[in-house]
């Protein structure tokens, strides 16, 4: 199970950063993908008792959510 979670985290994280670096029409999707990956980060770090990484993951979730709000609001 841990290997599957690591693959999911890798795919979401790598994809999010790649999309954020694209031209404006694609950039907005990076924030959505990044936010979708955060529950996996939170779950893995919580289960491992990595509290510093858990708190950092909460911060990243907030940052990704800000990006979603800024790029998707009408």
PDB file of N, CA and C in Angstrom:
ATOM      1  N   UNK A   1       0.826  -1.207   0.000  1.00  0.00           N
ATOM      2  CA  UNK A   1       0.000   0.000   0.000  1.00  0.00           C
ATOM      3  C   UNK A   1       0.864   1.261   0.000  1.00  0.00           C
ATOM      4  N   UNK A   2       1.953   1.229   0.773  1.00  0.00           N
ATOM      5  CA  UNK A   2       2.826   2.405   0.856  1.00  0.00           C
ATOM      6  C   UNK A   2       3.412   2.755  -0.503  1.00  0.00           C
ATOM      7  N   UNK A   3       3.780   1.723  -1.282  1.00  0.00           N
ATOM      8  CA  UNK A   3       4.336   1.988  -2.609  1.00  0.00           C
ATOM      9  C   UNK A   3       3.322   2.651  -3.519  1.00  0.00           C
ATOM     10  N   UNK A   4       2.074   2.225  -3.420  1.00  0.00           N
ATOM     11  CA  UNK A   4       1.009   2.824  -4.234  1.00  0.00           C
ATOM     12  C   UNK A   4       0.827   4.291  -3.851  1.00  0.00           C
ATOM     13  N   UNK A   5       0.829   4.577  -2.551  1.00  0.00           N
ATOM     14  CA  UNK A   5       0.687   5.961  -2.097  1.00  0.00           C
ATOM     15  C   UNK A   5       1.853   6.816  -2.579  1.00  0.00           C
ATOM     16  N   UNK A   6       3.054   6.256  -2.563  1.00  0.00           N
ATOM     17  CA  UNK A   6       4.209   7.012  -3.032  1.00  0.00           C
ATOM     18  C   UNK A   6       4.112   7.313  -4.520  1.00  0.00           C
ATOM     19  N   UNK A   7       3.602   6.368  -5.301  1.00  0.00           N
ATOM     20  CA  UNK A   7       3.409   6.597  -6.740  1.00  0.00           C
ATOM     21  C   UNK A   7       2.361   7.678  -6.961  1.00  0.00           C
ATOM     22  N   UNK A   8       1.268   7.623  -6.220  1.00  0.00           N
ATOM     23  CA  UNK A   8       0.211   8.634  -6.343  1.00  0.00           C
ATOM     24  C   UNK A   8       0.765  10.011  -5.994  1.00  0.00           C
ATOM     25  N   UNK A   9       1.509  10.104  -4.901  1.00  0.00           N
ATOM     26  CA  UNK A   9       2.103  11.380  -4.502  1.00  0.00           C
ATOM     27  C   UNK A   9       3.042  11.886  -5.587  1.00  0.00           C
ATOM     28  N   UNK A  10       3.876  10.997  -6.128  1.00  0.00           N
ATOM     29  CA  UNK A  10       4.801  11.389  -7.189  1.00  0.00           C
ATOM     30  C   UNK A  10       4.061  11.928  -8.408  1.00  0.00           C
ATOM     31  N   UNK A  11       3.039  11.206  -8.854  1.00  0.00           N
ATOM     32  CA  UNK A  11       2.305  11.613 -10.062  1.00  0.00           C
ATOM     33  C   UNK A  11       1.626  12.963  -9.857  1.00  0.00           C
ATOM     34  N   UNK A  12       0.922  13.139  -8.743  1.00  0.00           N
ATOM     35  CA  UNK A  12       0.254  14.417  -8.497  1.00  0.00           C
ATOM     36  C   UNK A  12       1.258  15.561  -8.340  1.00  0.00           C
ATOM     37  N   UNK A  13       2.303  15.337  -7.566  1.00  0.00           N
ATOM     38  CA  UNK A  13       3.262  16.407  -7.290  1.00  0.00           C
ATOM     39  C   UNK A  13       4.039  16.805  -8.535  1.00  0.00           C
ATOM     40  N   UNK A  14       4.552  15.834  -9.260  1.00  0.00           N
ATOM     41  CA  UNK A  14       5.322  16.122 -10.467  1.00  0.00           C
ATOM     42  C   UNK A  14       4.437  16.783 -11.529  1.00  0.00           C
ATOM     43  N   UNK A  15       3.217  16.296 -11.675  1.00  0.00           N
ATOM     44  CA  UNK A  15       2.290  16.883 -12.654  1.00  0.00           C
ATOM     45  C   UNK A  15       1.921  18.317 -12.286  1.00  0.00           C
ATOM     46  N   UNK A  16       1.677  18.544 -11.007  1.00  0.00           N
ATOM     47  CA  UNK A  16       1.292  19.892 -10.556  1.00  0.00           C
ATOM     48  C   UNK A  16       2.393  20.902 -10.872  1.00  0.00           C
ATOM     49  N   UNK A  17       3.624  20.568 -10.534  1.00  0.00           N
ATOM     50  CA  UNK A  17       4.724  21.492 -10.792  1.00  0.00           C
ATOM     51  C   UNK A  17       4.913  21.705 -12.288  1.00  0.00           C
ATOM     52  N   UNK A  18       4.778  20.654 -13.077  1.00  0.00           N
ATOM     53  CA  UNK A  18       4.921  20.773 -14.524  1.00  0.00           C
ATOM     54  C   UNK A  18       3.851  21.711 -15.089  1.00  0.00           C
ATOM     55  N   UNK A  19       2.608  21.535 -14.664  1.00  0.00           N
ATOM     56  CA  UNK A  19       1.522  22.390 -15.167  1.00  0.00           C
ATOM     57  C   UNK A  19       1.681  23.837 -14.709  1.00  0.00           C
ATOM     58  N   UNK A  20       2.109  24.050 -13.486  1.00  0.00           N
ATOM     59  CA  UNK A  20       2.285  25.420 -12.990  1.00  0.00           C
ATOM     60  C   UNK A  20       3.336  26.159 -13.816  1.00  0.00           C
ATOM     61  N   UNK A  21       4.277  25.442 -14.369  1.00  0.00           N
ATOM     62  CA  UNK A  21       5.320  26.051 -15.190  1.00  0.00           C
ATOM     63  C   UNK A  21       4.934  26.261 -16.641  1.00  0.00           C
ATOM     64  N   UNK A  22       3.751  25.864 -17.036  1.00  0.00           N
ATOM     65  CA  UNK A  22       3.307  26.001 -18.425  1.00  0.00           C
ATOM     66  C   UNK A  22       2.760  27.405 -18.686  1.00  0.00           C
ATOM     67  N   UNK A  23       2.354  27.597 -19.908  1.00  0.00           N
ATOM     68  CA  UNK A  23       1.743  28.871 -20.287  1.00  0.00           C
ATOM     69  C   UNK A  23       0.430  29.061 -19.531  1.00  0.00           C
ATOM     70  N   UNK A  24      -0.054  30.269 -19.529  1.00  0.00           N
ATOM     71  CA  UNK A  24      -1.204  30.616 -18.685  1.00  0.00           C
ATOM     72  C   UNK A  24      -2.432  29.734 -18.878  1.00  0.00           C
ATOM     73  N   UNK A  25      -2.715  29.290 -20.085  1.00  0.00           N
ATOM     74  CA  UNK A  25      -3.928  28.502 -20.301  1.00  0.00           C
ATOM     75  C   UNK A  25      -3.867  27.143 -19.592  1.00  0.00           C
ATOM     76  N   UNK A  26      -2.675  26.627 -19.339  1.00  0.00           N
ATOM     77  CA  UNK A  26      -2.516  25.347 -18.666  1.00  0.00           C
ATOM     78  C   UNK A  26      -2.182  25.494 -17.199  1.00  0.00           C
ATOM     79  N   UNK A  27      -1.619  26.623 -16.817  1.00  0.00           N
ATOM     80  CA  UNK A  27      -1.120  26.834 -15.455  1.00  0.00           C
ATOM     81  C   UNK A  27      -2.184  26.572 -14.397  1.00  0.00           C
ATOM     82  N   UNK A  28      -3.384  26.987 -14.660  1.00  0.00           N
ATOM     83  CA  UNK A  28      -4.450  26.858 -13.662  1.00  0.00           C
ATOM     84  C   UNK A  28      -4.686  25.414 -13.241  1.00  0.00           C
ATOM     85  N   UNK A  29      -4.449  24.471 -14.148  1.00  0.00           N
ATOM     86  CA  UNK A  29      -4.660  23.065 -13.813  1.00  0.00           C
ATOM     87  C   UNK A  29      -3.634  22.550 -12.816  1.00  0.00           C
ATOM     88  N   UNK A  30      -2.457  23.158 -12.793  1.00  0.00           N
ATOM     89  CA  UNK A  30      -1.437  22.752 -11.843  1.00  0.00           C
ATOM     90  C   UNK A  30      -1.890  22.929 -10.405  1.00  0.00           C
ATOM     91  N   UNK A  31      -2.616  23.993 -10.146  1.00  0.00           N
ATOM     92  CA  UNK A  31      -3.103  24.238  -8.788  1.00  0.00           C
ATOM     93  C   UNK A  31      -4.172  23.224  -8.388  1.00  0.00           C
ATOM     94  N   UNK A  32      -5.007  22.846  -9.315  1.00  0.00           N
ATOM     95  CA  UNK A  32      -6.031  21.830  -9.039  1.00  0.00           C
ATOM     96  C   UNK A  32      -5.377  20.481  -8.769  1.00  0.00           C
ATOM     97  N   UNK A  33      -4.422  20.108  -9.616  1.00  0.00           N
ATOM     98  CA  UNK A  33      -3.736  18.819  -9.450  1.00  0.00           C
ATOM     99  C   UNK A  33      -2.954  18.800  -8.134  1.00  0.00           C
ATOM    100  N   UNK A  34      -2.281  19.900  -7.823  1.00  0.00           N
ATOM    101  CA  UNK A  34      -1.534  19.985  -6.569  1.00  0.00           C
ATOM    102  C   UNK A  34      -2.439  19.833  -5.358  1.00  0.00           C
ATOM    103  N   UNK A  35      -3.591  20.464  -5.409  1.00  0.00           N
ATOM    104  CA  UNK A  35      -4.538  20.361  -4.301  1.00  0.00           C
ATOM    105  C   UNK A  35      -5.090  18.938  -4.182  1.00  0.00           C
ATOM    106  N   UNK A  36      -5.304  18.272  -5.300  1.00  0.00           N
ATOM    107  CA  UNK A  36      -5.795  16.885  -5.270  1.00  0.00           C
ATOM    108  C   UNK A  36      -4.782  15.933  -4.641  1.00  0.00           C
ATOM    109  N   UNK A  37      -3.509  16.247  -4.740  1.00  0.00           N
ATOM    110  CA  UNK A  37      -2.491  15.385  -4.164  1.00  0.00           C
ATOM    111  C   UNK A  37      -2.290  15.559  -2.668  1.00  0.00           C
ATOM    112  N   UNK A  38      -2.757  16.638  -2.119  1.00  0.00           N
ATOM    113  CA  UNK A  38      -2.499  16.927  -0.708  1.00  0.00           C
ATOM    114  C   UNK A  38      -3.101  15.933   0.280  1.00  0.00           C
ATOM    115  N   UNK A  39      -4.301  15.401   0.042  1.00  0.00           N
ATOM    116  CA  UNK A  39      -4.807  14.402   0.999  1.00  0.00           C
ATOM    117  C   UNK A  39      -3.874  13.204   1.149  1.00  0.00           C
ATOM    118  N   UNK A  40      -3.190  12.819   0.078  1.00  0.00           N
ATOM    119  CA  UNK A  40      -2.255  11.696   0.153  1.00  0.00           C
ATOM    120  C   UNK A  40      -1.021  12.070   0.969  1.00  0.00           C
ATOM    121  N   UNK A  41      -0.515  13.286   0.754  1.00  0.00           N
ATOM    122  CA  UNK A  41       0.595  13.777   1.568  1.00  0.00           C
ATOM    123  C   UNK A  41       0.202  13.800   3.041  1.00  0.00           C
ATOM    124  N   UNK A  42      -0.965  14.322   3.330  1.00  0.00           N
ATOM    125  CA  UNK A  42      -1.413  14.427   4.712  1.00  0.00           C
ATOM    126  C   UNK A  42      -1.570  13.050   5.351  1.00  0.00           C
ATOM    127  N   UNK A  43      -2.142  12.128   4.623  1.00  0.00           N
ATOM    128  CA  UNK A  43      -2.359  10.782   5.159  1.00  0.00           C
ATOM    129  C   UNK A  43      -1.029  10.088   5.453  1.00  0.00           C
ATOM    130  N   UNK A  44      -0.114  10.129   4.494  1.00  0.00           N
ATOM    131  CA  UNK A  44       1.170   9.435   4.659  1.00  0.00           C
ATOM    132  C   UNK A  44       1.978  10.046   5.797  1.00  0.00           C
ATOM    133  N   UNK A  45       2.048  11.354   5.855  1.00  0.00           N
ATOM    134  CA  UNK A  45       2.847  11.987   6.909  1.00  0.00           C
ATOM    135  C   UNK A  45       2.202  11.813   8.283  1.00  0.00           C
ATOM    136  N   UNK A  46       0.887  11.809   8.343  1.00  0.00           N
ATOM    137  CA  UNK A  46       0.194  11.565   9.610  1.00  0.00           C
ATOM    138  C   UNK A  46       0.476  10.157  10.116  1.00  0.00           C
ATOM    139  N   UNK A  47       0.317   9.176   9.228  1.00  0.00           N
ATOM    140  CA  UNK A  47       0.548   7.777   9.622  1.00  0.00           C
ATOM    141  C   UNK A  47       1.984   7.524  10.050  1.00  0.00           C
ATOM    142  N   UNK A  48       2.917   8.242   9.434  1.00  0.00           N
ATOM    143  CA  UNK A  48       4.336   8.049   9.761  1.00  0.00           C
ATOM    144  C   UNK A  48       4.761   8.861  10.979  1.00  0.00           C
ATOM    145  N   UNK A  49       3.886   9.728  11.455  1.00  0.00           N
ATOM    146  CA  UNK A  49       4.227  10.571  12.595  1.00  0.00           C
ATOM    147  C   UNK A  49       5.259  11.626  12.266  1.00  0.00           C
ATOM    148  N   UNK A  50       5.309  12.024  10.999  1.00  0.00           N
ATOM    149  CA  UNK A  50       6.240  13.065  10.557  1.00  0.00           C
ATOM    150  C   UNK A  50       5.531  14.413  10.682  1.00  0.00           C
ATOM    151  N   UNK A  51       5.530  14.950  11.886  1.00  0.00           N
ATOM    152  CA  UNK A  51       4.697  16.110  12.188  1.00  0.00           C
ATOM    153  C   UNK A  51       5.164  17.376  11.480  1.00  0.00           C
ATOM    154  N   UNK A  52       6.450  17.524  11.287  1.00  0.00           N
ATOM    155  CA  UNK A  52       6.936  18.676  10.537  1.00  0.00           C
ATOM    156  C   UNK A  52       6.464  18.636   9.095  1.00  0.00           C
ATOM    157  N   UNK A  53       6.570  17.470   8.483  1.00  0.00           N
ATOM    158  CA  UNK A  53       6.092  17.312   7.101  1.00  0.00           C
ATOM    159  C   UNK A  53       4.570  17.422   7.025  1.00  0.00           C
ATOM    160  N   UNK A  54       3.899  16.943   8.064  1.00  0.00           N
ATOM    161  CA  UNK A  54       2.442  17.059   8.101  1.00  0.00           C
ATOM    162  C   UNK A  54       2.033  18.535   8.105  1.00  0.00           C
ATOM    163  N   UNK A  55       2.682  19.327   8.965  1.00  0.00           N
ATOM    164  CA  UNK A  55       2.375  20.760   9.015  1.00  0.00           C
ATOM    165  C   UNK A  55       2.728  21.454   7.699  1.00  0.00           C
ATOM    166  N   UNK A  56       3.841  21.058   7.108  1.00  0.00           N
ATOM    167  CA  UNK A  56       4.224  21.621   5.819  1.00  0.00           C
ATOM    168  C   UNK A  56       3.191  21.253   4.748  1.00  0.00           C
ATOM    169  N   UNK A  57       2.670  20.042   4.806  1.00  0.00           N
ATOM    170  CA  UNK A  57       1.637  19.619   3.855  1.00  0.00           C
ATOM    171  C   UNK A  57       0.359  20.425   4.023  1.00  0.00           C
ATOM    172  N   UNK A  58       0.015  20.772   5.265  1.00  0.00           N
ATOM    173  CA  UNK A  58      -1.137  21.654   5.482  1.00  0.00           C
ATOM    174  C   UNK A  58      -0.900  23.014   4.839  1.00  0.00           C
ATOM    175  N   UNK A  59       0.327  23.512   4.994  1.00  0.00           N
ATOM    176  CA  UNK A  59       0.674  24.798   4.393  1.00  0.00           C
ATOM    177  C   UNK A  59       0.593  24.727   2.863  1.00  0.00           C
ATOM    178  N   UNK A  60       1.108  23.645   2.286  1.00  0.00           N
ATOM    179  CA  UNK A  60       1.028  23.464   0.831  1.00  0.00           C
ATOM    180  C   UNK A  60      -0.429  23.367   0.374  1.00  0.00           C
ATOM    181  N   UNK A  61      -1.257  22.676   1.134  1.00  0.00           N
ATOM    182  CA  UNK A  61      -2.677  22.579   0.777  1.00  0.00           C
ATOM    183  C   UNK A  61      -3.300  23.974   0.731  1.00  0.00           C
ATOM    184  N   UNK A  62      -2.954  24.790   1.705  1.00  0.00           N
ATOM    185  CA  UNK A  62      -3.457  26.168   1.723  1.00  0.00           C
ATOM    186  C   UNK A  62      -2.954  26.938   0.497  1.00  0.00           C
ATOM    187  N   UNK A  63      -1.670  26.775   0.177  1.00  0.00           N
ATOM    188  CA  UNK A  63      -1.091  27.481  -0.974  1.00  0.00           C
ATOM    189  C   UNK A  63      -1.724  27.021  -2.289  1.00  0.00           C
ATOM    190  N   UNK A  64      -1.921  25.712  -2.446  1.00  0.00           N
ATOM    191  CA  UNK A  64      -2.568  25.205  -3.658  1.00  0.00           C
ATOM    192  C   UNK A  64      -4.013  25.726  -3.742  1.00  0.00           C
ATOM    193  N   UNK A  65      -4.700  25.771  -2.603  1.00  0.00           N
ATOM    194  CA  UNK A  65      -6.078  26.282  -2.591  1.00  0.00           C
ATOM    195  C   UNK A  65      -6.120  27.757  -2.983  1.00  0.00           C
ATOM    196  N   UNK A  66      -5.133  28.535  -2.540  1.00  0.00           N
ATOM    197  CA  UNK A  66      -5.066  29.932  -2.970  1.00  0.00           C
ATOM    198  C   UNK A  66      -4.903  30.024  -4.480  1.00  0.00           C
ATOM    199  N   UNK A  67      -4.064  29.169  -5.036  1.00  0.00           N
ATOM    200  CA  UNK A  67      -3.884  29.158  -6.488  1.00  0.00           C
ATOM    201  C   UNK A  67      -5.162  28.815  -7.215  1.00  0.00           C
ATOM    202  N   UNK A  68      -5.887  27.822  -6.698  1.00  0.00           N
ATOM    203  CA  UNK A  68      -7.179  27.466  -7.311  1.00  0.00           C
ATOM    204  C   UNK A  68      -8.121  28.661  -7.254  1.00  0.00           C
ATOM    205  N   UNK A  69      -8.203  29.297  -6.093  1.00  0.00           N
ATOM    206  CA  UNK A  69      -9.092  30.451  -5.949  1.00  0.00           C
ATOM    207  C   UNK A  69      -8.691  31.580  -6.898  1.00  0.00           C
ATOM    208  N   UNK A  70      -7.417  31.865  -6.977  1.00  0.00           N
ATOM    209  CA  UNK A  70      -6.952  32.981  -7.812  1.00  0.00           C
ATOM    210  C   UNK A  70      -7.090  32.718  -9.299  1.00  0.00           C
ATOM    211  N   UNK A  71      -6.883  31.489  -9.736  1.00  0.00           N
ATOM    212  CA  UNK A  71      -6.911  31.174 -11.170  1.00  0.00           C
ATOM    213  C   UNK A  71      -8.273  30.731 -11.666  1.00  0.00           C
ATOM    214  N   UNK A  72      -9.187  30.361 -10.778  1.00  0.00           N
ATOM    215  CA  UNK A  72     -10.476  29.849 -11.214  1.00  0.00           C
ATOM    216  C   UNK A  72     -11.652  30.757 -10.865  1.00  0.00           C
ATOM    217  N   UNK A  73     -11.404  31.812 -10.090  1.00  0.00           N
ATOM    218  CA  UNK A  73     -12.527  32.703  -9.779  1.00  0.00           C
ATOM    219  C   UNK A  73     -12.918  33.477 -11.035  1.00  0.00           C
ATOM    220  N   UNK A  74     -14.154  33.808 -11.123  1.00  0.00           N
ATOM    221  CA  UNK A  74     -14.633  34.479 -12.313  1.00  0.00           C
ATOM    222  C   UNK A  74     -14.794  35.952 -12.092  1.00  0.00           C
TER     223      UNK A  74
END
